[in-house]
Every structure is written in structure tokens, then in C-alpha cells.
Amino acid sequence: MKIKIDESLTRLEEITKRLEEEALPLEEALELFAAGVQIAAAVKKELERAKTTIRQVVEESDGLFSLAEFDI
């Protein structure tokens, strides 16, 4: 499943701000932390996919640009 990186980063910022609050109950903090870790992992995976795509385009370009779809 592809994610929208900008939306995910916005959500991570929201989670971070919430975690920085002093009156946050432990249970909620743990849930937010777990959600943040999952979002961060999804963002990393999507960035790796983009990096691989860029490499593939550059390697195949020889002055021409082509993009092939592939699964990671």
C-alpha cells in the first residue's frame, strides 16, 4: 500500500507534539508511540521505493528517460 509521505509526516508531527505534553496518560502515550513507529516505518519503505525507482531510471537513461514499474 502506497502512502502519502507529506500526510504521514504531518501526522508524525502531530504525534510528537502530543507526546511532548506533560499531562499525557501513559496508555495514550504508548498508543501514540506505537502509531508513530508504524508511520515512520511506512514512510521509510516508501522512500526506499522512490530511491530504487530513481536509481533504475538513471541506470536505464543513457540520455533517455524511461521508468519501469516494479514491486519491492
PDB file of N, CA and C in Angstrom:
ATOM      1  N   MET A   1       0.843  -1.177   0.000  1.00  0.00           N
ATOM      2  CA  MET A   1       0.000   0.000   0.000  1.00  0.00           C
ATOM      3  C   MET A   1       0.891   1.244   0.000  1.00  0.00           C
ATOM      4  N   LYS A   2       0.646   2.113  -0.972  1.00  0.00           N
ATOM      5  CA  LYS A   2       1.411   3.356  -1.026  1.00  0.00           C
ATOM      6  C   LYS A   2       0.811   4.363  -0.058  1.00  0.00           C
ATOM      7  N   ILE A   3       1.675   5.162   0.512  1.00  0.00           N
ATOM      8  CA  ILE A   3       1.233   6.187   1.453  1.00  0.00           C
ATOM      9  C   ILE A   3       1.558   7.558   0.884  1.00  0.00           C
ATOM     10  N   LYS A   4       0.929   8.564   1.427  1.00  0.00           N
ATOM     11  CA  LYS A   4       1.267   9.936   1.068  1.00  0.00           C
ATOM     12  C   LYS A   4       2.249  10.422   2.125  1.00  0.00           C
ATOM     13  N   ILE A   5       3.480  10.614   1.692  1.00  0.00           N
ATOM     14  CA  ILE A   5       4.549  10.955   2.626  1.00  0.00           C
ATOM     15  C   ILE A   5       4.262  12.260   3.354  1.00  0.00           C
ATOM     16  N   ASP A   6       3.780  13.271   2.636  1.00  0.00           N
ATOM     17  CA  ASP A   6       3.538  14.557   3.289  1.00  0.00           C
ATOM     18  C   ASP A   6       2.483  14.442   4.379  1.00  0.00           C
ATOM     19  N   GLU A   7       1.436  13.666   4.124  1.00  0.00           N
ATOM     20  CA  GLU A   7       0.403  13.462   5.148  1.00  0.00           C
ATOM     21  C   GLU A   7       0.945  12.668   6.329  1.00  0.00           C
ATOM     22  N   SER A   8       1.776  11.690   6.045  1.00  0.00           N
ATOM     23  CA  SER A   8       2.368  10.882   7.108  1.00  0.00           C
ATOM     24  C   SER A   8       3.296  11.712   7.982  1.00  0.00           C
ATOM     25  N   LEU A   9       4.086  12.585   7.359  1.00  0.00           N
ATOM     26  CA  LEU A   9       4.989  13.441   8.139  1.00  0.00           C
ATOM     27  C   LEU A   9       4.206  14.425   8.995  1.00  0.00           C
ATOM     28  N   THR A  10       3.097  14.928   8.457  1.00  0.00           N
ATOM     29  CA  THR A  10       2.239  15.812   9.245  1.00  0.00           C
ATOM     30  C   THR A  10       1.691  15.069  10.454  1.00  0.00           C
ATOM     31  N   ARG A  11       1.263  13.834  10.249  1.00  0.00           N
ATOM     32  CA  ARG A  11       0.736  13.032  11.358  1.00  0.00           C
ATOM     33  C   ARG A  11       1.830  12.759  12.394  1.00  0.00           C
ATOM     34  N   LEU A  12       3.046  12.496  11.941  1.00  0.00           N
ATOM     35  CA  LEU A  12       4.157  12.285  12.878  1.00  0.00           C
ATOM     36  C   LEU A  12       4.424  13.544  13.701  1.00  0.00           C
ATOM     37  N   GLU A  13       4.320  14.697  13.083  1.00  0.00           N
ATOM     38  CA  GLU A  13       4.491  15.954  13.824  1.00  0.00           C
ATOM     39  C   GLU A  13       3.405  16.108  14.889  1.00  0.00           C
ATOM     40  N   GLU A  14       2.169  15.766  14.531  1.00  0.00           N
ATOM     41  CA  GLU A  14       1.063  15.834  15.492  1.00  0.00           C
ATOM     42  C   GLU A  14       1.303  14.893  16.669  1.00  0.00           C
ATOM     43  N   ILE A  15       1.749  13.691  16.364  1.00  0.00           N
ATOM     44  CA  ILE A  15       2.025  12.702  17.404  1.00  0.00           C
ATOM     45  C   ILE A  15       3.139  13.201  18.318  1.00  0.00           C
ATOM     46  N   THR A  16       4.189  13.755  17.718  1.00  0.00           N
ATOM     47  CA  THR A  16       5.313  14.266  18.506  1.00  0.00           C
ATOM     48  C   THR A  16       4.862  15.367  19.455  1.00  0.00           C
ATOM     49  N   LYS A  17       4.069  16.298  18.946  1.00  0.00           N
ATOM     50  CA  LYS A  17       3.569  17.390  19.802  1.00  0.00           C
ATOM     51  C   LYS A  17       2.740  16.840  20.952  1.00  0.00           C
ATOM     52  N   ARG A  18       1.910  15.862  20.640  1.00  0.00           N
ATOM     53  CA  ARG A  18       1.054  15.270  21.680  1.00  0.00           C
ATOM     54  C   ARG A  18       1.912  14.547  22.726  1.00  0.00           C
ATOM     55  N   LEU A  19       2.934  13.832  22.272  1.00  0.00           N
ATOM     56  CA  LEU A  19       3.810  13.108  23.200  1.00  0.00           C
ATOM     57  C   LEU A  19       4.610  14.056  24.096  1.00  0.00           C
ATOM     58  N   GLU A  20       4.818  15.268  23.644  1.00  0.00           N
ATOM     59  CA  GLU A  20       5.568  16.242  24.436  1.00  0.00           C
ATOM     60  C   GLU A  20       4.730  16.876  25.541  1.00  0.00           C
ATOM     61  N   GLU A  21       3.436  16.645  25.531  1.00  0.00           N
ATOM     62  CA  GLU A  21       2.570  17.200  26.562  1.00  0.00           C
ATOM     63  C   GLU A  21       2.812  16.476  27.891  1.00  0.00           C
ATOM     64  N   GLU A  22       2.882  17.245  28.953  1.00  0.00           N
ATOM     65  CA  GLU A  22       3.172  16.674  30.272  1.00  0.00           C
ATOM     66  C   GLU A  22       2.017  15.861  30.844  1.00  0.00           C
ATOM     67  N   ALA A  23       0.798  16.250  30.557  1.00  0.00           N
ATOM     68  CA  ALA A  23      -0.366  15.604  31.176  1.00  0.00           C
ATOM     69  C   ALA A  23      -0.882  14.419  30.370  1.00  0.00           C
ATOM     70  N   LEU A  24      -0.073  13.877  29.503  1.00  0.00           N
ATOM     71  CA  LEU A  24      -0.499  12.760  28.667  1.00  0.00           C
ATOM     72  C   LEU A  24      -0.472  11.455  29.468  1.00  0.00           C
ATOM     73  N   PRO A  25      -1.603  10.756  29.537  1.00  0.00           N
ATOM     74  CA  PRO A  25      -1.628   9.479  30.246  1.00  0.00           C
ATOM     75  C   PRO A  25      -0.691   8.462  29.577  1.00  0.00           C
ATOM     76  N   LEU A  26      -0.099   7.602  30.373  1.00  0.00           N
ATOM     77  CA  LEU A  26       0.856   6.620  29.871  1.00  0.00           C
ATOM     78  C   LEU A  26       0.252   5.747  28.772  1.00  0.00           C
ATOM     79  N   GLU A  27      -0.971   5.273  28.979  1.00  0.00           N
ATOM     80  CA  GLU A  27      -1.615   4.397  27.990  1.00  0.00           C
ATOM     81  C   GLU A  27      -1.695   5.087  26.626  1.00  0.00           C
ATOM     82  N   GLU A  28      -2.112   6.351  26.642  1.00  0.00           N
ATOM     83  CA  GLU A  28      -2.234   7.099  25.391  1.00  0.00           C
ATOM     84  C   GLU A  28      -0.861   7.349  24.770  1.00  0.00           C
ATOM     85  N   ALA A  29       0.111   7.636  25.610  1.00  0.00           N
ATOM     86  CA  ALA A  29       1.473   7.862  25.119  1.00  0.00           C
ATOM     87  C   ALA A  29       2.010   6.617  24.414  1.00  0.00           C
ATOM     88  N   LEU A  30       1.758   5.456  24.992  1.00  0.00           N
ATOM     89  CA  LEU A  30       2.215   4.207  24.375  1.00  0.00           C
ATOM     90  C   LEU A  30       1.522   3.946  23.042  1.00  0.00           C
ATOM     91  N   GLU A  31       0.228   4.232  22.975  1.00  0.00           N
ATOM     92  CA  GLU A  31      -0.520   4.054  21.726  1.00  0.00           C
ATOM     93  C   GLU A  31      -0.001   5.001  20.644  1.00  0.00           C
ATOM     94  N   LEU A  32       0.232   6.256  21.030  1.00  0.00           N
ATOM     95  CA  LEU A  32       0.759   7.231  20.078  1.00  0.00           C
ATOM     96  C   LEU A  32       2.157   6.850  19.608  1.00  0.00           C
ATOM     97  N   PHE A  33       2.979   6.392  20.544  1.00  0.00           N
ATOM     98  CA  PHE A  33       4.335   5.975  20.183  1.00  0.00           C
ATOM     99  C   PHE A  33       4.294   4.831  19.175  1.00  0.00           C
ATOM    100  N   ALA A  34       3.459   3.835  19.432  1.00  0.00           N
ATOM    101  CA  ALA A  34       3.338   2.692  18.516  1.00  0.00           C
ATOM    102  C   ALA A  34       2.863   3.151  17.142  1.00  0.00           C
ATOM    103  N   ALA A  35       1.888   4.043  17.110  1.00  0.00           N
ATOM    104  CA  ALA A  35       1.385   4.567  15.834  1.00  0.00           C
ATOM    105  C   ALA A  35       2.494   5.317  15.098  1.00  0.00           C
ATOM    106  N   GLY A  36       3.262   6.101  15.827  1.00  0.00           N
ATOM    107  CA  GLY A  36       4.360   6.843  15.225  1.00  0.00           C
ATOM    108  C   GLY A  36       5.418   5.941  14.620  1.00  0.00           C
ATOM    109  N   VAL A  37       5.736   4.869  15.313  1.00  0.00           N
ATOM    110  CA  VAL A  37       6.729   3.917  14.802  1.00  0.00           C
ATOM    111  C   VAL A  37       6.220   3.267  13.510  1.00  0.00           C
ATOM    112  N   GLN A  38       4.948   2.912  13.478  1.00  0.00           N
ATOM    113  CA  GLN A  38       4.371   2.315  12.265  1.00  0.00           C
ATOM    114  C   GLN A  38       4.394   3.300  11.101  1.00  0.00           C
ATOM    115  N   ILE A  39       4.035   4.541  11.359  1.00  0.00           N
ATOM    116  CA  ILE A  39       4.035   5.558  10.306  1.00  0.00           C
ATOM    117  C   ILE A  39       5.452   5.785   9.799  1.00  0.00           C
ATOM    118  N   ALA A  40       6.401   5.891  10.717  1.00  0.00           N
ATOM    119  CA  ALA A  40       7.799   6.105  10.334  1.00  0.00           C
ATOM    120  C   ALA A  40       8.315   4.952   9.476  1.00  0.00           C
ATOM    121  N   ALA A  41       7.948   3.731   9.812  1.00  0.00           N
ATOM    122  CA  ALA A  41       8.370   2.572   9.030  1.00  0.00           C
ATOM    123  C   ALA A  41       7.760   2.613   7.628  1.00  0.00           C
ATOM    124  N   ALA A  42       6.508   3.010   7.524  1.00  0.00           N
ATOM    125  CA  ALA A  42       5.848   3.108   6.221  1.00  0.00           C
ATOM    126  C   ALA A  42       6.491   4.194   5.371  1.00  0.00           C
ATOM    127  N   VAL A  43       6.836   5.320   5.985  1.00  0.00           N
ATOM    128  CA  VAL A  43       7.498   6.402   5.262  1.00  0.00           C
ATOM    129  C   VAL A  43       8.865   5.920   4.764  1.00  0.00           C
ATOM    130  N   LYS A  44       9.595   5.244   5.614  1.00  0.00           N
ATOM    131  CA  LYS A  44      10.916   4.730   5.215  1.00  0.00           C
ATOM    132  C   LYS A  44      10.790   3.785   4.028  1.00  0.00           C
ATOM    133  N   LYS A  45       9.814   2.916   4.069  1.00  0.00           N
ATOM    134  CA  LYS A  45       9.610   1.961   2.978  1.00  0.00           C
ATOM    135  C   LYS A  45       9.282   2.691   1.679  1.00  0.00           C
ATOM    136  N   GLU A  46       8.432   3.696   1.756  1.00  0.00           N
ATOM    137  CA  GLU A  46       8.062   4.455   0.566  1.00  0.00           C
ATOM    138  C   GLU A  46       9.253   5.235   0.011  1.00  0.00           C
ATOM    139  N   LEU A  47      10.076   5.786   0.884  1.00  0.00           N
ATOM    140  CA  LEU A  47      11.275   6.498   0.432  1.00  0.00           C
ATOM    141  C   LEU A  47      12.278   5.541  -0.215  1.00  0.00           C
ATOM    142  N   GLU A  48      12.388   4.339   0.312  1.00  0.00           N
ATOM    143  CA  GLU A  48      13.269   3.335  -0.300  1.00  0.00           C
ATOM    144  C   GLU A  48      12.761   2.959  -1.688  1.00  0.00           C
ATOM    145  N   ARG A  49      11.436   2.858  -1.822  1.00  0.00           N
ATOM    146  CA  ARG A  49      10.844   2.554  -3.127  1.00  0.00           C
ATOM    147  C   ARG A  49      11.177   3.675  -4.121  1.00  0.00           C
ATOM    148  N   ALA A  50      11.060   4.916  -3.678  1.00  0.00           N
ATOM    149  CA  ALA A  50      11.373   6.056  -4.541  1.00  0.00           C
ATOM    150  C   ALA A  50      12.854   6.053  -4.923  1.00  0.00           C
ATOM    151  N   LYS A  51      13.702   5.764  -3.968  1.00  0.00           N
ATOM    152  CA  LYS A  51      15.151   5.721  -4.217  1.00  0.00           C
ATOM    153  C   LYS A  51      15.484   4.659  -5.262  1.00  0.00           C
ATOM    154  N   THR A  52      14.859   3.510  -5.138  1.00  0.00           N
ATOM    155  CA  THR A  52      15.087   2.428  -6.094  1.00  0.00           C
ATOM    156  C   THR A  52      14.595   2.831  -7.478  1.00  0.00           C
ATOM    157  N   THR A  53      13.458   3.485  -7.550  1.00  0.00           N
ATOM    158  CA  THR A  53      12.919   3.944  -8.825  1.00  0.00           C
ATOM    159  C   THR A  53      13.866   4.942  -9.480  1.00  0.00           C
ATOM    160  N   ILE A  54      14.380   5.872  -8.690  1.00  0.00           N
ATOM    161  CA  ILE A  54      15.309   6.864  -9.229  1.00  0.00           C
ATOM    162  C   ILE A  54      16.566   6.189  -9.755  1.00  0.00           C
ATOM    163  N   ARG A  55      17.104   5.258  -9.004  1.00  0.00           N
ATOM    164  CA  ARG A  55      18.295   4.525  -9.455  1.00  0.00           C
ATOM    165  C   ARG A  55      18.030   3.819 -10.775  1.00  0.00           C
ATOM    166  N   GLN A  56      16.883   3.180 -10.857  1.00  0.00           N
ATOM    167  CA  GLN A  56      16.542   2.423 -12.059  1.00  0.00           C
ATOM    168  C   GLN A  56      16.422   3.361 -13.263  1.00  0.00           C
ATOM    169  N   VAL A  57      15.811   4.506 -13.073  1.00  0.00           N
ATOM    170  CA  VAL A  57      15.670   5.473 -14.169  1.00  0.00           C
ATOM    171  C   VAL A  57      17.034   5.959 -14.626  1.00  0.00           C
ATOM    172  N   VAL A  58      17.895   6.305 -13.679  1.00  0.00           N
ATOM    173  CA  VAL A  58      19.216   6.817 -14.016  1.00  0.00           C
ATOM    174  C   VAL A  58      20.041   5.752 -14.727  1.00  0.00           C
ATOM    175  N   GLU A  59      19.999   4.529 -14.253  1.00  0.00           N
ATOM    176  CA  GLU A  59      20.777   3.445 -14.855  1.00  0.00           C
ATOM    177  C   GLU A  59      20.316   3.151 -16.280  1.00  0.00           C
ATOM    178  N   GLU A  60      19.036   3.299 -16.539  1.00  0.00           N
ATOM    179  CA  GLU A  60      18.500   2.974 -17.858  1.00  0.00           C
ATOM    180  C   GLU A  60      18.499   4.169 -18.810  1.00  0.00           C
ATOM    181  N   SER A  61      18.793   5.348 -18.307  1.00  0.00           N
ATOM    182  CA  SER A  61      18.577   6.555 -19.105  1.00  0.00           C
ATOM    183  C   SER A  61      19.495   6.683 -20.319  1.00  0.00           C
ATOM    184  N   ASP A  62      20.796   6.602 -20.128  1.00  0.00           N
ATOM    185  CA  ASP A  62      21.736   6.837 -21.228  1.00  0.00           C
ATOM    186  C   ASP A  62      21.268   8.002 -22.090  1.00  0.00           C
ATOM    187  N   GLY A  63      20.823   9.059 -21.431  1.00  0.00           N
ATOM    188  CA  GLY A  63      20.334  10.225 -22.144  1.00  0.00           C
ATOM    189  C   GLY A  63      18.838  10.168 -22.421  1.00  0.00           C
ATOM    190  N   LEU A  64      18.260   8.996 -22.319  1.00  0.00           N
ATOM    191  CA  LEU A  64      16.814   8.835 -22.484  1.00  0.00           C
ATOM    192  C   LEU A  64      16.242   8.441 -21.136  1.00  0.00           C
ATOM    193  N   PHE A  65      15.074   8.913 -20.840  1.00  0.00           N
ATOM    194  CA  PHE A  65      14.473   8.594 -19.551  1.00  0.00           C
ATOM    195  C   PHE A  65      13.313   7.634 -19.744  1.00  0.00           C
ATOM    196  N   SER A  66      13.389   6.509 -19.057  1.00  0.00           N
ATOM    197  CA  SER A  66      12.279   5.552 -19.074  1.00  0.00           C
ATOM    198  C   SER A  66      12.064   5.083 -17.638  1.00  0.00           C
ATOM    199  N   LEU A  67      10.844   4.770 -17.335  1.00  0.00           N
ATOM    200  CA  LEU A  67      10.502   4.338 -15.983  1.00  0.00           C
ATOM    201  C   LEU A  67       9.756   3.023 -16.070  1.00  0.00           C
ATOM    202  N   ALA A  68      10.250   2.015 -15.406  1.00  0.00           N
ATOM    203  CA  ALA A  68       9.600   0.710 -15.395  1.00  0.00           C
ATOM    204  C   ALA A  68       8.960   0.490 -14.031  1.00  0.00           C
ATOM    205  N   GLU A  69       7.751  -0.022 -14.037  1.00  0.00           N
ATOM    206  CA  GLU A  69       7.077  -0.373 -12.795  1.00  0.00           C
ATOM    207  C   GLU A  69       7.672  -1.657 -12.235  1.00  0.00           C
ATOM    208  N   PHE A  70       7.759  -1.742 -10.936  1.00  0.00           N
ATOM    209  CA  PHE A  70       8.280  -2.946 -10.309  1.00  0.00           C
ATOM    210  C   PHE A  70       7.783  -3.007  -8.876  1.00  0.00           C
ATOM    211  N   ASP A  71       7.785  -4.183  -8.310  1.00  0.00           N
ATOM    212  CA  ASP A  71       7.390  -4.383  -6.924  1.00  0.00           C
ATOM    213  C   ASP A  71       8.620  -4.541  -6.069  1.00  0.00           C
ATOM    214  N   ILE A  72       8.527  -4.011  -4.860  1.00  0.00           N
ATOM    215  CA  ILE A  72       9.631  -4.175  -3.910  1.00  0.00           C
ATOM    216  C   ILE A  72       9.274  -5.263  -2.947  1.00  0.00           C
TER     217      ILE A  72
END
